[in-house]
Protein backbone atom coordinates (compact mmCIF):
# COMPACT_ATOMS: atom_id res chain seq x y z
CA MET A 1 80.20 72.96 99.02
CA LYS A 2 80.86 69.24 99.30
CA LYS A 3 80.61 67.53 95.92
CA THR A 4 78.53 64.37 95.78
CA LYS A 5 77.97 61.88 93.03
CA LYS A 6 74.29 61.65 92.25
CA LYS A 7 73.16 58.08 92.82
CA LYS A 8 70.65 56.48 90.46
CA LEU A 9 69.06 54.13 92.98
CA LYS A 10 65.82 55.33 94.53
CA CYS A 11 64.69 55.09 98.14
CA LYS A 12 67.68 53.16 99.45
CA TYR A 13 67.98 55.83 102.15
CA VAL A 14 64.50 55.09 103.50
CA SER A 15 65.18 52.19 105.82
CA LYS A 16 62.81 51.06 108.58
CA LYS A 17 65.04 52.48 111.31
CA HIS A 18 64.45 55.98 109.92
CA ILE A 19 60.66 55.67 110.00
CA THR A 20 58.73 56.39 113.21
CA LYS A 21 55.86 54.26 114.48
CA GLU A 22 53.52 56.83 112.97
CA GLY A 23 55.15 56.32 109.57
CA VAL A 24 57.01 59.65 109.54
CA TYR A 25 60.44 59.82 107.92
CA ARG A 26 63.27 61.15 110.13
CA ALA A 27 65.98 62.99 108.22
CA ASN A 28 69.48 61.55 108.48
CA LYS A 29 72.77 61.92 106.64
CA SER A 30 72.17 58.85 104.45
CA ILE A 31 69.77 60.94 102.37
CA LEU A 32 72.35 63.57 101.35
CA PRO A 33 73.93 61.64 98.43
CA TYR A 34 70.46 61.39 96.87
CA ILE A 35 69.84 65.13 96.98
CA SER A 36 71.08 66.88 93.86
CA ASP A 37 73.99 69.32 94.15
CA GLU A 38 71.60 71.88 92.67
CA ARG A 39 69.63 71.69 95.93
CA LYS A 40 72.69 72.18 98.13
CA ARG A 41 74.60 75.35 98.89
CA GLY A 42 78.15 76.36 99.67
CA MET A 43 78.95 78.62 102.60
CA ILE A 44 79.26 82.30 101.65
CA THR A 45 82.69 83.73 102.32
CA SER A 46 83.15 86.21 105.17
CA ASP A 47 84.31 89.01 102.83
CA VAL A 48 80.91 88.99 101.06
CA ILE A 49 79.08 89.09 104.41
CA LYS A 50 81.28 92.00 105.53
CA ILE A 51 80.45 93.94 102.35
CA ILE A 52 76.72 93.49 102.96
CA LYS A 53 76.97 94.53 106.61
CA LYS A 54 79.00 97.60 105.66
CA ARG A 55 76.50 98.66 102.98
CA LEU A 56 73.56 98.16 105.35
CA LYS A 57 75.29 100.24 108.00
CA LYS A 58 75.71 103.07 105.48
CA LEU A 59 72.00 103.24 104.66
CA PRO A 60 70.85 106.67 105.88
CA LYS A 61 68.72 106.51 109.04
CA ASN A 62 66.76 109.69 108.24
CA SER A 63 65.57 108.72 104.77
CA PHE A 64 61.84 108.97 105.59
CA ASN A 65 59.49 110.94 107.83
CA LYS A 66 58.86 108.96 110.99
CA LYS A 67 55.62 108.71 112.93
CA GLU A 68 54.38 105.69 114.84
CA ILE A 69 50.95 104.64 113.68
CA ASP A 70 48.07 104.73 116.17
CA LYS A 71 47.97 101.47 118.15
CA LYS A 72 44.40 100.80 117.07
CA TYR A 73 45.86 99.76 113.68
CA TYR A 74 47.47 96.33 113.76
CA TRP A 75 48.85 93.42 111.74
CA LYS A 76 46.76 90.31 112.38
CA GLY A 77 48.85 87.51 113.90
CA VAL A 78 51.70 89.65 115.29
CA ASP A 79 52.27 88.99 118.99
CA ASN A 80 54.77 91.67 120.04
CA ASN A 81 54.46 95.28 121.22
CA LEU A 82 56.63 96.95 118.60
CA PRO A 83 55.16 99.64 116.34
CA SER A 84 53.09 98.28 113.44
CA CYS A 85 54.37 101.05 111.18
CA THR A 86 56.71 104.03 111.59
CA LEU A 87 56.08 105.78 108.26
CA ASP A 88 54.29 109.11 108.38
CA LEU A 89 51.79 108.35 105.62
CA PRO A 90 48.08 108.96 105.02
CA ILE A 91 45.83 106.12 106.21
CA ILE A 92 43.08 104.99 103.85
CA GLU A 93 40.32 103.01 105.54
CA VAL A 94 38.36 100.70 103.24
CA ASP A 95 35.51 98.24 103.33
CA ILE A 96 36.88 94.81 102.47
CA LYS A 97 34.99 92.47 100.17
CA THR A 98 33.40 89.30 101.54
CA LYS A 99 33.29 88.01 97.97
CA TYR A 100 36.09 89.08 95.68
CA LYS A 101 36.79 88.74 91.98
CA SER A 102 39.71 86.57 90.94
CA ILE A 103 41.72 88.01 88.07
CA SER A 104 43.46 85.64 85.65
CA TRP A 105 46.85 86.43 84.18
CA LYS A 106 45.12 85.90 80.82
CA ASP A 107 42.86 88.91 81.48
CA THR A 108 44.45 91.80 79.57
CA LYS A 109 41.42 94.02 80.16
CA GLN A 110 42.02 95.71 83.49
CA PRO A 111 39.35 95.69 86.22
CA LYS A 112 37.67 99.05 86.92
CA TRP A 113 39.51 99.60 90.18
CA GLU A 114 40.98 102.73 91.67
CA THR A 115 44.73 102.91 90.96
CA ILE A 116 46.75 104.21 93.89
CA LYS A 117 49.62 106.51 92.92
CA LYS A 118 50.77 107.78 96.31
CA SER A 119 52.41 106.25 99.38
CA CYS A 120 49.79 105.22 101.91
CA ILE A 121 48.63 102.75 104.54
CA ILE A 122 45.52 100.70 103.78
CA ALA A 123 43.41 99.45 106.71
CA ASP A 124 40.08 97.73 107.21
CA LYS A 125 37.56 100.39 108.25
CA LYS A 126 35.70 98.00 110.56
CA THR A 127 38.51 96.13 112.37
CA LYS A 128 41.48 98.52 111.79
CA ARG A 129 43.52 95.56 110.53
CA ILE A 130 46.38 96.76 108.32
CA LEU A 131 45.99 95.34 104.82
CA ALA A 132 48.99 96.92 103.10
CA VAL A 133 51.66 99.61 103.42
CA PHE A 134 52.70 101.05 100.04
CA VAL A 135 55.76 103.30 99.72
CA TYR A 136 57.39 105.14 96.81
CA SER A 137 61.08 105.99 96.76
CA LYS A 138 60.30 109.72 97.00
CA ASP A 139 59.07 108.97 100.54
CA ASP A 140 62.08 106.81 101.40
CA THR A 141 65.14 107.25 99.18
CA ASN A 142 66.63 104.02 100.54
CA ILE A 143 64.18 102.13 98.33
CA THR A 144 66.15 103.23 95.25
CA LYS A 145 69.43 102.25 96.93
CA CYS A 146 67.97 98.78 97.50
CA VAL A 147 67.11 98.22 93.81
CA GLU A 148 70.01 100.03 92.16
CA ASP A 149 71.51 96.75 90.87
CA SER A 150 68.23 94.90 90.32
CA PHE A 151 68.39 94.43 86.55
CA GLU A 152 71.96 93.12 86.78
CA LEU A 153 70.86 90.72 89.52
CA ILE A 154 67.96 89.44 87.38
CA GLU A 155 70.43 88.56 84.60
CA LEU A 156 72.47 86.47 87.06
CA ILE A 157 69.36 84.90 88.56
CA GLU A 158 68.31 83.84 85.07
CA LYS A 159 71.77 82.33 84.58
CA TYR A 160 71.76 80.27 87.78
CA LEU A 161 68.23 79.61 89.03
CA LYS A 162 65.64 77.24 87.64
CA LEU A 163 62.60 79.02 86.23
CA LYS A 164 59.65 78.36 88.50
CA ASN A 165 56.91 76.04 87.29
CA LYS A 166 53.99 78.13 86.06
CA ILE A 167 51.45 76.16 88.09
CA PHE A 168 53.14 76.89 91.40
CA TYR A 169 50.14 78.59 93.05
CA SER A 170 48.21 75.32 92.67
CA GLY A 171 50.30 73.05 94.90
CA PHE A 172 52.02 69.91 93.66
CA ASP A 173 51.89 69.04 89.98
CA THR A 174 52.18 65.31 90.76
CA LYS A 175 50.41 62.82 92.98
CA LEU A 176 51.23 59.34 94.16
CA LYS A 177 49.20 56.38 92.91
CA ASN A 178 50.31 52.83 93.65
CA LYS A 179 53.73 54.23 94.60
CA LYS A 180 54.05 55.83 91.15
CA SER A 181 54.26 59.51 90.35
CA ILE A 182 51.29 60.69 88.25
CA LYS A 183 51.47 64.02 86.43
CA LEU A 184 48.45 66.24 87.12
CA ASP A 185 46.80 68.44 84.51
CA ARG A 186 47.45 71.95 85.82
CA GLN A 187 46.87 75.26 84.07
CA ASP A 188 49.47 78.04 83.97
CA ARG A 189 48.98 80.59 86.75
CA TYR A 190 51.38 83.32 85.65
CA THR A 191 53.23 84.76 82.69
CA GLY A 192 56.67 86.36 82.45
CA LYS A 193 59.59 84.91 84.42
CA ASN A 194 59.68 83.97 88.09
CA TRP A 195 62.30 82.32 90.30
CA LEU A 196 62.60 81.26 93.93
CA GLU A 197 65.68 81.14 96.16
CA GLY A 198 66.15 79.84 99.70
CA MET A 199 64.66 76.80 101.44
CA GLN A 200 61.87 74.63 100.07
CA ARG A 201 59.77 71.77 101.40
CA TYR A 202 58.75 69.50 98.55
CA LEU A 203 57.35 66.04 97.96
CA ASP A 204 59.68 63.32 96.73
CA PRO A 205 57.23 61.27 94.62
CA SER A 206 59.56 58.28 94.47
CA CYS A 207 59.40 57.78 98.22
CA GLY A 208 56.22 59.48 99.27
CA HIS A 209 57.62 61.89 101.87
CA ASN A 210 58.72 65.51 102.07
CA ILE A 211 62.27 66.75 101.74
CA LEU A 212 63.58 70.06 103.04
CA ALA A 213 66.33 71.40 100.81
CA TYR A 214 67.20 74.50 98.79
CA TYR A 215 65.57 75.57 95.55
CA LYS A 216 67.41 74.37 92.46
CA ARG A 217 70.40 76.52 91.55
CA HIS A 218 73.42 75.80 89.39
CA PRO A 219 76.37 74.86 91.66
CA ASP A 220 78.60 77.43 89.91
CA ALA A 221 76.63 80.14 91.73
CA ASN A 222 78.33 79.10 94.98
CA ASN A 223 81.59 80.60 93.70
CA ASP A 224 80.23 83.65 91.90
CA LYS A 225 80.92 86.44 94.40
CA LYS A 226 79.22 89.05 92.24
CA TYR A 227 76.00 87.05 92.20
CA LEU A 228 76.14 86.35 95.93
CA GLU A 229 76.84 89.97 96.79
CA LEU A 230 73.97 91.29 94.65
CA LEU A 231 71.66 88.54 95.91
CA LEU A 232 72.34 89.21 99.58
CA TRP A 233 72.21 92.96 99.12
CA GLN A 234 68.79 92.82 97.46
CA TYR A 235 67.10 90.68 100.10
CA CYS A 236 69.00 91.79 103.21
CA CYS A 237 68.38 95.43 102.29
CA LEU A 238 64.71 94.59 101.83
CA TYR A 239 64.59 93.13 105.33
CA GLU A 240 66.45 96.16 106.70
CA LEU A 241 63.73 98.41 105.27
CA GLU A 242 61.11 96.16 106.88
CA LYS A 243 62.81 96.57 110.26
CA ARG A 244 62.65 100.35 109.87
CA HIS A 245 59.16 100.66 108.37
CA CYS A 246 57.24 97.84 110.08
CA PRO A 247 59.22 96.78 113.19
CA ALA A 248 56.46 94.51 114.54
CA VAL A 249 56.38 92.44 111.34
CA ALA A 250 60.17 92.27 111.07
CA GLN A 251 60.60 91.10 114.66
CA PHE A 252 57.81 88.54 114.29
CA ARG A 253 59.48 87.15 111.15
CA TYR A 254 62.76 86.76 113.04
CA ASP A 255 61.13 85.24 116.12
CA LEU A 256 59.52 82.53 113.99
CA VAL A 257 62.87 80.96 113.10
CA LYS A 258 65.30 81.95 115.86
CA ASP A 259 64.59 78.82 117.96
CA THR A 260 63.97 76.30 115.17
CA ASN A 261 67.64 75.72 114.30
CA PHE A 262 66.80 77.01 110.80
CA PRO A 263 70.06 77.04 108.77
CA GLY A 264 69.03 80.19 106.93
CA CYS A 265 67.87 81.02 103.45
CA PHE A 266 71.51 81.80 102.58
CA THR A 267 73.14 79.06 104.75
CA PRO A 268 74.42 79.63 108.33
CA SER A 269 77.20 81.84 106.93
CA CYS A 270 74.69 84.70 106.70
CA PRO A 271 73.37 85.67 110.15
CA LEU A 272 69.60 85.29 110.56
CA GLU A 273 69.29 88.88 111.74
CA LEU A 274 70.29 90.00 108.22
CA ASN A 275 67.39 88.07 106.70
CA PRO A 276 65.29 85.48 108.58
CA SER A 277 62.99 84.78 105.60
CA THR A 278 62.60 81.14 104.58
CA CYS A 279 62.71 81.93 100.88
CA MET A 280 62.74 84.77 98.36
CA GLY A 281 61.21 85.41 94.96
CA ALA A 282 62.32 87.35 91.88
CA SER A 283 60.50 88.16 88.66
CA ILE A 284 60.62 90.13 85.43
CA ASN A 285 57.79 91.05 83.09
CA PHE A 286 55.52 89.22 85.52
CA SER A 287 51.75 88.94 85.89
CA SER A 288 49.77 86.34 87.81
CA ASP A 289 46.40 84.97 88.77
CA THR A 290 44.81 86.29 91.94
CA HIS A 291 46.15 84.10 94.74
CA ALA A 292 46.76 83.87 98.46
CA ASP A 293 50.04 82.41 99.68
CA SER A 294 51.08 79.95 102.38
CA SER A 295 52.80 82.71 104.34
CA VAL A 296 52.62 82.81 108.13
CA GLU A 297 49.89 85.08 109.44
CA GLY A 298 51.64 88.08 110.98
CA THR A 299 54.33 88.24 108.30
CA THR A 300 53.98 90.11 105.05
CA GLU A 301 55.05 89.50 101.52
CA THR A 302 57.56 92.33 101.51
CA ILE A 303 57.91 93.22 97.82
CA ILE A 304 60.10 95.80 96.14
CA TRP A 305 59.86 96.83 92.48
CA ARG A 306 61.78 98.71 89.83
CA PRO A 307 59.90 99.49 86.60
CA ASP A 308 61.44 99.61 83.15
CA LYS A 309 61.10 103.32 82.46
CA THR A 310 62.01 102.88 78.80
CA ARG A 311 58.56 101.33 78.29
CA LYS A 312 55.24 103.16 78.51
CA ILE A 313 53.25 100.06 79.49
CA PRO A 314 51.86 100.37 83.05
CA TYR A 315 53.01 97.97 85.78
CA LEU A 316 50.21 97.28 88.29
CA PHE A 317 49.86 95.23 91.46
CA GLY A 318 46.30 94.37 92.46
CA ASN A 319 44.56 93.60 95.75
CA SER A 320 41.20 91.87 95.16
CA LEU A 321 40.10 92.20 98.78
CA ILE A 322 39.92 95.99 98.46
CA GLU A 323 39.53 96.18 94.66
CA LYS A 324 42.42 98.57 94.21
CA SER A 325 45.64 98.46 92.21
CA PHE A 326 49.00 100.06 92.95
CA SER A 327 50.93 101.83 90.20
CA ILE A 328 54.57 100.74 89.88
CA HIS A 329 55.65 103.73 87.77
CA ASP A 330 58.68 104.41 90.00
CA ASP A 331 60.83 102.49 92.48
CA CYS A 332 58.46 101.40 95.24
CA MET A 333 57.59 98.64 97.70
CA ILE A 334 54.64 97.12 99.50
CA TYR A 335 54.03 95.23 102.72
CA GLN A 336 51.24 92.93 101.52
CA VAL A 337 49.41 90.43 103.73
CA GLY A 338 50.26 87.20 101.91
CA THR A 339 47.08 85.39 102.92
CA ASP A 340 44.90 88.12 101.37
CA PRO A 341 44.07 87.72 97.63
CA HIS A 342 46.48 89.65 95.43
CA GLY A 343 48.37 89.45 92.15
CA THR A 344 50.20 91.38 89.43
CA LEU A 345 47.85 92.49 86.64
CA ASN A 346 48.55 91.60 83.02
CA THR A 347 49.17 94.95 81.36
CA GLY A 348 51.48 93.55 78.67
CA ASN A 349 55.27 93.46 78.42
CA HIS A 350 56.00 96.07 81.09
CA GLY A 351 59.58 94.81 81.56
CA GLY A 352 59.72 95.65 85.29
CA VAL A 353 61.36 93.56 88.00
CA GLY A 354 60.22 92.59 91.48
CA PHE A 355 61.73 90.90 94.56
CA VAL A 356 60.00 89.48 97.63
CA ASN A 357 60.87 88.11 101.08
CA LEU A 358 58.65 85.27 102.31
CA SER A 359 58.15 83.22 105.48
CA LYS A 360 56.45 79.95 104.54
CA LYS A 361 54.22 78.30 107.13
CA ASN A 362 55.52 74.75 106.54
CA LEU A 363 59.14 75.86 107.05
CA VAL A 364 58.79 77.77 110.32
CA SER A 365 56.71 75.15 112.13
CA ASN A 366 58.63 74.23 115.26
CA THR A 367 58.13 70.49 114.74
CA GLU A 368 60.39 67.52 115.29
CA TYR A 369 60.24 66.79 111.58
CA ASN A 370 61.60 70.22 110.62
CA LYS A 371 64.18 70.20 113.42
CA LYS A 372 65.60 66.89 112.19
CA TRP A 373 66.04 68.37 108.73
CA TYR A 374 67.56 71.59 110.00
CA ASP A 375 69.95 69.66 112.26
CA LEU A 376 70.97 67.64 109.21
CA TRP A 377 71.68 70.74 107.12
CA ASN A 378 73.60 72.46 109.92
CA LYS A 379 75.83 69.40 110.29
CA TYR A 380 76.28 69.30 106.51
CA PHE A 381 77.50 72.92 106.48
């Protein structure tokens, strides 16, 4: 990664020639010295990429019972003809709620919902829209292979990544007033620890426009091969499982970014076909408010969990639209529609970890604004 001295001056890079007639900022190289090294990345060495490709290739192909789901069941927003799901699992049809109850992370008393303790596919009884696919490792042993180093990875994530602001489901925590940044009064929306990796679009309050850069990470991480190997394995393996379990979703996620010049969540050194997500999340001992995310319709929040089996406290993921929770008592994963209300219930200090692949709507938009930024980052690398 190219080292830059952080300049103290603000907004010098926003000259009139970089502003369109409509007042939109066009990204150009003069902005790079003003972006912190924490928001930049170094290219990942080819030996790390080779290790990941080799491990992915070794993942057994026959690790789960295959059966293409009936075509009447579908993921809303997907526009390809690939199978929606290839797992041979029971399908549970449910009536979705037109009005749902939001659960706060402060609520330690659990809602009186059914807790699901078996792998299954959840679908809307009326429309046949798939709402979630939930899988335990006993029904695909590759799930355990994917999370075998997860607690070690969390330790390194805690070392290098910036802990995510606890109001992050509520949008920006600042606003502009008379060209000054004003701090908003926001309430915490989760407890435990949560981090984000990959690309981010955020508001620069000092200049009043958005910047596309990477989530804050200590620059030393660029040279920590152990961290990079565990990081890529976790999220590339997760996408590999998505390709096998839900091919339509996986292909749609890839198609969203393949023509946008997106530099990749791990820089261009990691091929997009290994993981075309825009960003990834990680957590430990986590619970959250009920929320819906800014994911692209047609993609899922693909989440994988490993519980802390030394603790007896339950680890539960809730879906308010169907009023059901999913028990994370063993290695497992879910394909959750991000725009449906969901959250991790506050059961106490369960100690479990979770990892998620995301495709954010504002990062896959095939706009001139995004393309300018992605061109800039590709030239930087």
